[in-house]
Amino acid sequence: MPLREEDIQLGKCYKTKGPENYKVIGLTRGIVTYQTWTSPLRINVGVKQFADAVYKEVACPK
């Protein structure tokens, strides 16, 4: 079950339905900027699309 848009928070990490995990590094006016745990690239997407792609919060790596 996807998360709600209100559940997405800056600095938190989320599990996707696939093998990737995402860390939210920016959240501004409905746009989420995130990185996968395996890549330094930053990706921007709408908060609704991001919330639909993740299903739970997970602990971020140290």
N, C-alpha and C. Protein backbone atom coordinates (compact mmCIF):
# COMPACT_ATOMS: atom_id res chain seq x y z
N MET A 1 0.85 -1.18 0.00
CA MET A 1 0.00 0.00 0.00
C MET A 1 0.90 1.25 0.00
N PRO A 2 0.70 2.15 -0.95
CA PRO A 2 1.53 3.36 -1.00
C PRO A 2 1.29 4.25 0.22
N LEU A 3 2.28 5.05 0.51
CA LEU A 3 2.15 6.02 1.61
C LEU A 3 1.31 7.21 1.14
N ARG A 4 0.81 7.95 2.10
CA ARG A 4 0.10 9.20 1.80
C ARG A 4 1.14 10.30 1.58
N GLU A 5 0.76 11.31 0.83
CA GLU A 5 1.66 12.43 0.57
C GLU A 5 2.11 13.09 1.86
N GLU A 6 1.22 13.15 2.86
CA GLU A 6 1.55 13.79 4.14
C GLU A 6 2.60 13.01 4.93
N ASP A 7 2.78 11.73 4.60
CA ASP A 7 3.74 10.88 5.32
C ASP A 7 5.19 11.12 4.88
N ILE A 8 5.40 11.73 3.73
CA ILE A 8 6.74 11.94 3.19
C ILE A 8 7.39 13.10 3.94
N GLN A 9 8.58 12.85 4.51
CA GLN A 9 9.26 13.87 5.32
C GLN A 9 10.72 13.99 4.91
N LEU A 10 11.23 15.21 5.01
CA LEU A 10 12.62 15.51 4.71
C LEU A 10 13.55 14.73 5.64
N GLY A 11 14.61 14.15 5.06
CA GLY A 11 15.61 13.43 5.85
C GLY A 11 15.26 11.99 6.15
N LYS A 12 14.08 11.54 5.78
CA LYS A 12 13.66 10.16 6.05
C LYS A 12 13.99 9.27 4.85
N CYS A 13 14.05 7.96 5.09
CA CYS A 13 14.31 6.98 4.04
C CYS A 13 13.09 6.08 3.87
N TYR A 14 12.90 5.63 2.63
CA TYR A 14 11.71 4.86 2.29
C TYR A 14 12.06 3.67 1.42
N LYS A 15 11.33 2.58 1.61
CA LYS A 15 11.48 1.35 0.85
C LYS A 15 10.55 1.39 -0.35
N THR A 16 11.07 1.00 -1.52
CA THR A 16 10.25 0.90 -2.73
C THR A 16 9.78 -0.54 -2.90
N LYS A 17 8.95 -0.75 -3.88
CA LYS A 17 8.50 -2.10 -4.19
C LYS A 17 9.60 -2.91 -4.86
N GLY A 18 10.61 -2.24 -5.40
CA GLY A 18 11.74 -2.91 -6.03
C GLY A 18 12.92 -3.02 -5.08
N PRO A 19 14.13 -3.17 -5.61
CA PRO A 19 15.30 -3.38 -4.76
C PRO A 19 15.88 -2.09 -4.16
N GLU A 20 15.41 -0.93 -4.58
CA GLU A 20 15.99 0.34 -4.14
C GLU A 20 15.34 0.89 -2.87
N ASN A 21 16.12 1.69 -2.17
CA ASN A 21 15.63 2.50 -1.06
C ASN A 21 15.96 3.94 -1.40
N TYR A 22 15.10 4.87 -0.97
CA TYR A 22 15.27 6.28 -1.28
C TYR A 22 15.44 7.10 -0.01
N LYS A 23 16.27 8.15 -0.09
CA LYS A 23 16.40 9.12 0.99
C LYS A 23 15.93 10.48 0.48
N VAL A 24 15.00 11.09 1.20
CA VAL A 24 14.48 12.41 0.82
C VAL A 24 15.48 13.46 1.28
N ILE A 25 16.02 14.23 0.33
CA ILE A 25 17.01 15.26 0.66
C ILE A 25 16.48 16.67 0.43
N GLY A 26 15.26 16.75 -0.11
CA GLY A 26 14.63 18.05 -0.32
C GLY A 26 13.13 17.87 -0.47
N LEU A 27 12.36 18.83 0.04
CA LEU A 27 10.91 18.78 -0.06
C LEU A 27 10.41 20.22 -0.10
N THR A 28 10.08 20.69 -1.31
CA THR A 28 9.71 22.08 -1.50
C THR A 28 8.51 22.19 -2.43
N ARG A 29 7.45 22.81 -1.96
CA ARG A 29 6.26 23.10 -2.76
C ARG A 29 5.79 21.90 -3.60
N GLY A 30 5.69 20.76 -2.97
CA GLY A 30 5.17 19.58 -3.65
C GLY A 30 6.16 18.82 -4.51
N ILE A 31 7.44 19.22 -4.46
CA ILE A 31 8.48 18.53 -5.22
C ILE A 31 9.43 17.84 -4.23
N VAL A 32 9.63 16.55 -4.43
CA VAL A 32 10.55 15.77 -3.60
C VAL A 32 11.86 15.61 -4.36
N THR A 33 12.97 15.91 -3.69
CA THR A 33 14.29 15.61 -4.22
C THR A 33 14.83 14.45 -3.40
N TYR A 34 15.24 13.39 -4.09
CA TYR A 34 15.71 12.21 -3.36
C TYR A 34 16.92 11.60 -4.05
N GLN A 35 17.59 10.73 -3.30
CA GLN A 35 18.70 9.93 -3.82
C GLN A 35 18.43 8.48 -3.48
N THR A 36 18.87 7.58 -4.37
CA THR A 36 18.85 6.17 -4.00
C THR A 36 20.05 5.92 -3.10
N TRP A 37 20.02 4.85 -2.36
CA TRP A 37 21.13 4.54 -1.47
C TRP A 37 22.38 4.17 -2.24
N THR A 38 22.25 3.82 -3.52
CA THR A 38 23.38 3.33 -4.30
C THR A 38 23.93 4.35 -5.29
N SER A 39 23.36 5.56 -5.35
CA SER A 39 23.79 6.54 -6.34
C SER A 39 23.79 7.95 -5.74
N PRO A 40 24.78 8.76 -6.13
CA PRO A 40 24.82 10.14 -5.64
C PRO A 40 23.92 11.09 -6.44
N LEU A 41 23.30 10.60 -7.53
CA LEU A 41 22.45 11.46 -8.35
C LEU A 41 21.20 11.88 -7.60
N ARG A 42 20.80 13.13 -7.81
CA ARG A 42 19.58 13.66 -7.19
C ARG A 42 18.45 13.60 -8.21
N ILE A 43 17.28 13.19 -7.76
CA ILE A 43 16.13 13.04 -8.64
C ILE A 43 14.99 13.87 -8.07
N ASN A 44 14.31 14.63 -8.93
CA ASN A 44 13.16 15.44 -8.53
C ASN A 44 11.89 14.80 -9.09
N VAL A 45 10.86 14.76 -8.26
CA VAL A 45 9.58 14.18 -8.66
C VAL A 45 8.49 14.80 -7.79
N GLY A 46 7.28 14.77 -8.27
CA GLY A 46 6.15 15.26 -7.49
C GLY A 46 5.92 14.38 -6.27
N VAL A 47 5.43 14.98 -5.20
CA VAL A 47 5.24 14.24 -3.95
C VAL A 47 4.23 13.11 -4.12
N LYS A 48 3.20 13.28 -4.94
CA LYS A 48 2.21 12.22 -5.15
C LYS A 48 2.87 11.02 -5.83
N GLN A 49 3.66 11.27 -6.86
CA GLN A 49 4.34 10.19 -7.56
C GLN A 49 5.32 9.47 -6.64
N PHE A 50 6.05 10.23 -5.82
CA PHE A 50 6.98 9.63 -4.87
C PHE A 50 6.23 8.76 -3.86
N ALA A 51 5.15 9.29 -3.31
CA ALA A 51 4.37 8.54 -2.32
C ALA A 51 3.80 7.25 -2.92
N ASP A 52 3.43 7.28 -4.20
CA ASP A 52 2.92 6.08 -4.85
C ASP A 52 4.01 5.03 -5.07
N ALA A 53 5.27 5.46 -5.13
CA ALA A 53 6.38 4.53 -5.43
C ALA A 53 6.96 3.87 -4.18
N VAL A 54 6.67 4.39 -3.00
CA VAL A 54 7.23 3.83 -1.76
C VAL A 54 6.09 3.27 -0.90
N TYR A 55 6.44 2.34 0.00
CA TYR A 55 5.38 1.76 0.81
C TYR A 55 5.64 1.76 2.30
N LYS A 56 6.88 2.05 2.73
CA LYS A 56 7.11 2.17 4.17
C LYS A 56 8.39 2.94 4.45
N GLU A 57 8.44 3.53 5.63
CA GLU A 57 9.65 4.23 6.08
C GLU A 57 10.62 3.19 6.64
N VAL A 58 11.91 3.37 6.35
CA VAL A 58 12.95 2.49 6.86
C VAL A 58 14.05 3.35 7.48
N ALA A 59 14.88 2.74 8.31
CA ALA A 59 15.99 3.46 8.92
C ALA A 59 17.03 3.80 7.86
N CYS A 60 17.51 5.03 7.89
CA CYS A 60 18.54 5.46 6.93
C CYS A 60 19.89 4.87 7.33
N PRO A 61 20.75 4.62 6.33
CA PRO A 61 22.09 4.14 6.66
C PRO A 61 22.90 5.22 7.35
N LYS A 62 23.82 4.82 8.17
CA LYS A 62 24.65 5.79 8.91
C LYS A 62 25.83 6.20 8.09
